[in-house]
Amino acid sequence: ENEYAEDEIMVFYSTGSGYWQSTSTGSYLDFSYTCAGDYIYFTMMPAGAPAYNLTCTINVYDDDEMSITWPASSMYGPTTIYYERE
């Protein structure tokens, strides 16, 4: 759950895939990812549009909390968002 916008969720599977979803608008975005050190590399796969790559930094605080710092080219713009596991 996105602690900034609680109607947005990101689901990460151990297989390196996942999705972002807005529960209020129904918007949905598939992605694949890999992690290396403090970085998470996304390939975003919007329906009906070309895939694109994003490199973000990630901080994991414990089993339930993490933050992702998104670049200017992301859907959030340059910002750090905190996530909590549900």
N, C-alpha and C. Protein backbone atom coordinates (compact mmCIF):
# COMPACT_ATOMS: atom_id res chain seq x y z
N GLU A 1 0.84 -1.18 0.00
CA GLU A 1 0.00 0.00 0.00
C GLU A 1 0.88 1.24 0.00
N ASN A 2 0.55 2.19 -0.84
CA ASN A 2 1.24 3.46 -0.93
C ASN A 2 0.77 4.31 0.25
N GLU A 3 1.67 4.69 1.15
CA GLU A 3 1.27 5.46 2.32
C GLU A 3 0.91 6.90 1.96
N TYR A 4 1.31 7.36 0.78
CA TYR A 4 0.99 8.71 0.32
C TYR A 4 -0.40 8.76 -0.30
N ALA A 5 -0.74 7.77 -1.08
CA ALA A 5 -2.04 7.67 -1.74
C ALA A 5 -2.57 6.26 -1.46
N GLU A 6 -3.38 6.12 -0.45
CA GLU A 6 -3.79 4.80 0.02
C GLU A 6 -4.64 4.03 -0.98
N ASP A 7 -5.11 4.69 -2.04
CA ASP A 7 -5.89 3.98 -3.05
C ASP A 7 -5.00 3.33 -4.11
N GLU A 8 -3.68 3.45 -3.96
CA GLU A 8 -2.75 2.83 -4.90
C GLU A 8 -2.00 1.69 -4.23
N ILE A 9 -1.88 0.59 -4.96
CA ILE A 9 -1.13 -0.55 -4.45
C ILE A 9 -0.11 -0.99 -5.48
N MET A 10 0.98 -1.56 -5.01
CA MET A 10 1.96 -2.22 -5.87
C MET A 10 2.12 -3.63 -5.34
N VAL A 11 2.05 -4.59 -6.25
CA VAL A 11 2.21 -5.99 -5.88
C VAL A 11 3.49 -6.49 -6.54
N PHE A 12 4.37 -7.07 -5.73
CA PHE A 12 5.64 -7.62 -6.21
C PHE A 12 5.60 -9.13 -6.01
N TYR A 13 5.81 -9.87 -7.09
CA TYR A 13 5.93 -11.33 -7.00
C TYR A 13 7.41 -11.70 -6.98
N SER A 14 7.73 -12.80 -6.34
CA SER A 14 9.12 -13.24 -6.25
C SER A 14 9.68 -13.64 -7.62
N THR A 15 8.84 -13.77 -8.61
CA THR A 15 9.27 -14.14 -9.96
C THR A 15 9.84 -12.96 -10.75
N GLY A 16 9.80 -11.74 -10.16
CA GLY A 16 10.30 -10.56 -10.85
C GLY A 16 9.24 -9.84 -11.66
N SER A 17 7.98 -10.12 -11.39
CA SER A 17 6.89 -9.41 -12.05
C SER A 17 5.99 -8.80 -10.99
N GLY A 18 5.06 -7.96 -11.43
CA GLY A 18 4.13 -7.37 -10.50
C GLY A 18 3.20 -6.43 -11.22
N TYR A 19 2.45 -5.65 -10.44
CA TYR A 19 1.57 -4.66 -11.04
C TYR A 19 1.31 -3.52 -10.06
N TRP A 20 0.94 -2.37 -10.64
CA TRP A 20 0.48 -1.21 -9.91
C TRP A 20 -1.00 -1.07 -10.21
N GLN A 21 -1.80 -0.69 -9.21
CA GLN A 21 -3.22 -0.50 -9.43
C GLN A 21 -3.76 0.62 -8.56
N SER A 22 -4.64 1.42 -9.12
CA SER A 22 -5.38 2.41 -8.37
C SER A 22 -6.75 1.80 -8.08
N THR A 23 -7.06 1.63 -6.80
CA THR A 23 -8.34 1.03 -6.45
C THR A 23 -9.49 2.01 -6.63
N SER A 24 -9.20 3.31 -6.71
CA SER A 24 -10.27 4.29 -6.90
C SER A 24 -10.63 4.50 -8.36
N THR A 25 -9.63 4.42 -9.26
CA THR A 25 -9.91 4.67 -10.68
C THR A 25 -9.93 3.39 -11.51
N GLY A 26 -9.37 2.30 -10.98
CA GLY A 26 -9.29 1.06 -11.73
C GLY A 26 -8.10 1.01 -12.67
N SER A 27 -7.26 2.06 -12.69
CA SER A 27 -6.06 2.06 -13.53
C SER A 27 -5.15 0.92 -13.11
N TYR A 28 -4.45 0.34 -14.08
CA TYR A 28 -3.66 -0.87 -13.85
C TYR A 28 -2.43 -0.83 -14.74
N LEU A 29 -1.28 -1.25 -14.21
CA LEU A 29 -0.05 -1.24 -14.98
C LEU A 29 0.80 -2.44 -14.57
N ASP A 30 1.08 -3.34 -15.52
CA ASP A 30 1.98 -4.46 -15.28
C ASP A 30 3.42 -3.97 -15.31
N PHE A 31 4.29 -4.67 -14.58
CA PHE A 31 5.72 -4.38 -14.65
C PHE A 31 6.52 -5.63 -14.34
N SER A 32 7.78 -5.58 -14.76
CA SER A 32 8.76 -6.57 -14.31
C SER A 32 9.84 -5.77 -13.58
N TYR A 33 10.61 -6.45 -12.74
CA TYR A 33 11.62 -5.74 -11.96
C TYR A 33 12.77 -6.66 -11.59
N THR A 34 13.90 -6.04 -11.32
CA THR A 34 15.04 -6.71 -10.72
C THR A 34 15.61 -5.75 -9.68
N CYS A 35 16.23 -6.30 -8.66
CA CYS A 35 16.86 -5.50 -7.62
C CYS A 35 18.35 -5.81 -7.58
N ALA A 36 19.14 -4.78 -7.36
CA ALA A 36 20.58 -4.94 -7.16
C ALA A 36 21.03 -3.85 -6.20
N GLY A 37 21.44 -4.27 -5.01
CA GLY A 37 21.87 -3.30 -4.01
C GLY A 37 20.72 -2.38 -3.63
N ASP A 38 20.95 -1.08 -3.73
CA ASP A 38 19.93 -0.09 -3.38
C ASP A 38 19.07 0.33 -4.57
N TYR A 39 19.14 -0.41 -5.66
CA TYR A 39 18.41 -0.03 -6.88
C TYR A 39 17.37 -1.08 -7.24
N ILE A 40 16.26 -0.58 -7.78
CA ILE A 40 15.24 -1.45 -8.36
C ILE A 40 15.03 -0.96 -9.79
N TYR A 41 15.11 -1.89 -10.71
CA TYR A 41 15.00 -1.59 -12.14
C TYR A 41 13.66 -2.11 -12.63
N PHE A 42 12.81 -1.20 -13.07
CA PHE A 42 11.48 -1.55 -13.55
C PHE A 42 11.42 -1.52 -15.07
N THR A 43 10.67 -2.43 -15.64
CA THR A 43 10.19 -2.31 -17.01
C THR A 43 8.68 -2.22 -16.89
N MET A 44 8.15 -1.04 -17.18
CA MET A 44 6.71 -0.81 -17.10
C MET A 44 6.08 -1.19 -18.43
N MET A 45 4.96 -1.88 -18.37
CA MET A 45 4.31 -2.40 -19.58
C MET A 45 2.86 -1.92 -19.68
N PRO A 46 2.68 -0.66 -20.07
CA PRO A 46 1.30 -0.16 -20.18
C PRO A 46 0.55 -0.83 -21.32
N ALA A 47 -0.73 -1.08 -21.10
CA ALA A 47 -1.56 -1.70 -22.14
C ALA A 47 -1.68 -0.75 -23.33
N GLY A 48 -1.40 -1.26 -24.53
CA GLY A 48 -1.56 -0.47 -25.73
C GLY A 48 -0.48 0.56 -25.98
N ALA A 49 0.61 0.51 -25.24
CA ALA A 49 1.71 1.48 -25.42
C ALA A 49 3.04 0.74 -25.25
N PRO A 50 4.12 1.33 -25.76
CA PRO A 50 5.43 0.67 -25.63
C PRO A 50 5.88 0.56 -24.17
N ALA A 51 6.58 -0.50 -23.86
CA ALA A 51 7.19 -0.67 -22.54
C ALA A 51 8.28 0.38 -22.36
N TYR A 52 8.53 0.75 -21.11
CA TYR A 52 9.60 1.70 -20.82
C TYR A 52 10.28 1.31 -19.50
N ASN A 53 11.53 1.77 -19.34
CA ASN A 53 12.34 1.40 -18.19
C ASN A 53 12.48 2.56 -17.21
N LEU A 54 12.52 2.24 -15.93
CA LEU A 54 12.76 3.21 -14.87
C LEU A 54 13.78 2.61 -13.90
N THR A 55 14.73 3.43 -13.47
CA THR A 55 15.68 3.03 -12.43
C THR A 55 15.36 3.85 -11.19
N CYS A 56 15.11 3.16 -10.09
CA CYS A 56 14.73 3.79 -8.84
C CYS A 56 15.68 3.32 -7.74
N THR A 57 15.72 4.07 -6.66
CA THR A 57 16.42 3.57 -5.47
C THR A 57 15.37 3.00 -4.53
N ILE A 58 15.79 2.00 -3.77
CA ILE A 58 14.87 1.33 -2.85
C ILE A 58 15.55 1.20 -1.49
N ASN A 59 14.78 1.43 -0.45
CA ASN A 59 15.23 1.22 0.93
C ASN A 59 14.21 0.32 1.62
N VAL A 60 14.68 -0.77 2.18
CA VAL A 60 13.81 -1.68 2.92
C VAL A 60 14.13 -1.49 4.40
N TYR A 61 13.10 -1.16 5.18
CA TYR A 61 13.29 -0.83 6.59
C TYR A 61 13.10 -2.03 7.50
N ASP A 62 12.17 -2.88 7.17
CA ASP A 62 11.94 -4.12 7.91
C ASP A 62 11.07 -5.00 7.02
N ASP A 63 10.48 -6.02 7.55
CA ASP A 63 9.67 -6.92 6.73
C ASP A 63 8.41 -6.26 6.18
N ASP A 64 8.02 -5.12 6.75
CA ASP A 64 6.74 -4.52 6.39
C ASP A 64 6.82 -3.16 5.70
N GLU A 65 7.97 -2.52 5.67
CA GLU A 65 8.05 -1.16 5.12
C GLU A 65 9.25 -0.99 4.20
N MET A 66 9.01 -0.19 3.15
CA MET A 66 10.09 0.16 2.23
C MET A 66 9.76 1.50 1.60
N SER A 67 10.76 2.12 0.99
CA SER A 67 10.52 3.32 0.21
C SER A 67 11.16 3.15 -1.16
N ILE A 68 10.53 3.76 -2.15
CA ILE A 68 11.07 3.79 -3.51
C ILE A 68 11.20 5.25 -3.90
N THR A 69 12.38 5.64 -4.34
CA THR A 69 12.59 6.99 -4.85
C THR A 69 12.49 6.92 -6.36
N TRP A 70 11.46 7.58 -6.88
CA TRP A 70 11.12 7.55 -8.31
C TRP A 70 11.83 8.68 -9.05
N PRO A 71 12.27 8.43 -10.30
CA PRO A 71 12.91 9.48 -11.08
C PRO A 71 11.87 10.45 -11.67
N ALA A 72 12.36 11.55 -12.22
CA ALA A 72 11.47 12.56 -12.84
C ALA A 72 10.61 11.98 -13.95
N SER A 73 11.11 10.95 -14.64
CA SER A 73 10.38 10.37 -15.77
C SER A 73 9.28 9.39 -15.34
N SER A 74 9.10 9.18 -14.04
CA SER A 74 8.10 8.22 -13.57
C SER A 74 6.71 8.84 -13.54
N MET A 75 5.71 7.99 -13.29
CA MET A 75 4.33 8.45 -13.20
C MET A 75 4.11 9.36 -11.99
N TYR A 76 5.04 9.32 -11.02
CA TYR A 76 4.94 10.15 -9.82
C TYR A 76 5.78 11.42 -9.91
N GLY A 77 6.69 11.49 -10.88
CA GLY A 77 7.68 12.57 -10.89
C GLY A 77 8.76 12.25 -9.87
N PRO A 78 9.71 13.17 -9.66
CA PRO A 78 10.82 12.88 -8.74
C PRO A 78 10.34 12.96 -7.28
N THR A 79 10.15 11.81 -6.68
CA THR A 79 9.65 11.79 -5.30
C THR A 79 9.98 10.46 -4.63
N THR A 80 9.96 10.45 -3.32
CA THR A 80 10.12 9.22 -2.54
C THR A 80 8.76 8.87 -1.96
N ILE A 81 8.35 7.63 -2.18
CA ILE A 81 7.07 7.15 -1.66
C ILE A 81 7.34 5.98 -0.72
N TYR A 82 6.64 5.99 0.39
CA TYR A 82 6.78 4.94 1.40
C TYR A 82 5.63 3.95 1.23
N TYR A 83 5.99 2.67 1.30
CA TYR A 83 5.03 1.60 1.11
C TYR A 83 5.01 0.71 2.33
N GLU A 84 3.84 0.20 2.64
CA GLU A 84 3.68 -0.71 3.76
C GLU A 84 3.04 -2.00 3.26
N ARG A 85 3.58 -3.12 3.70
CA ARG A 85 3.03 -4.42 3.31
C ARG A 85 1.71 -4.65 4.01
N GLU A 86 0.77 -5.19 3.26
CA GLU A 86 -0.52 -5.54 3.86
C GLU A 86 -0.64 -7.01 4.03
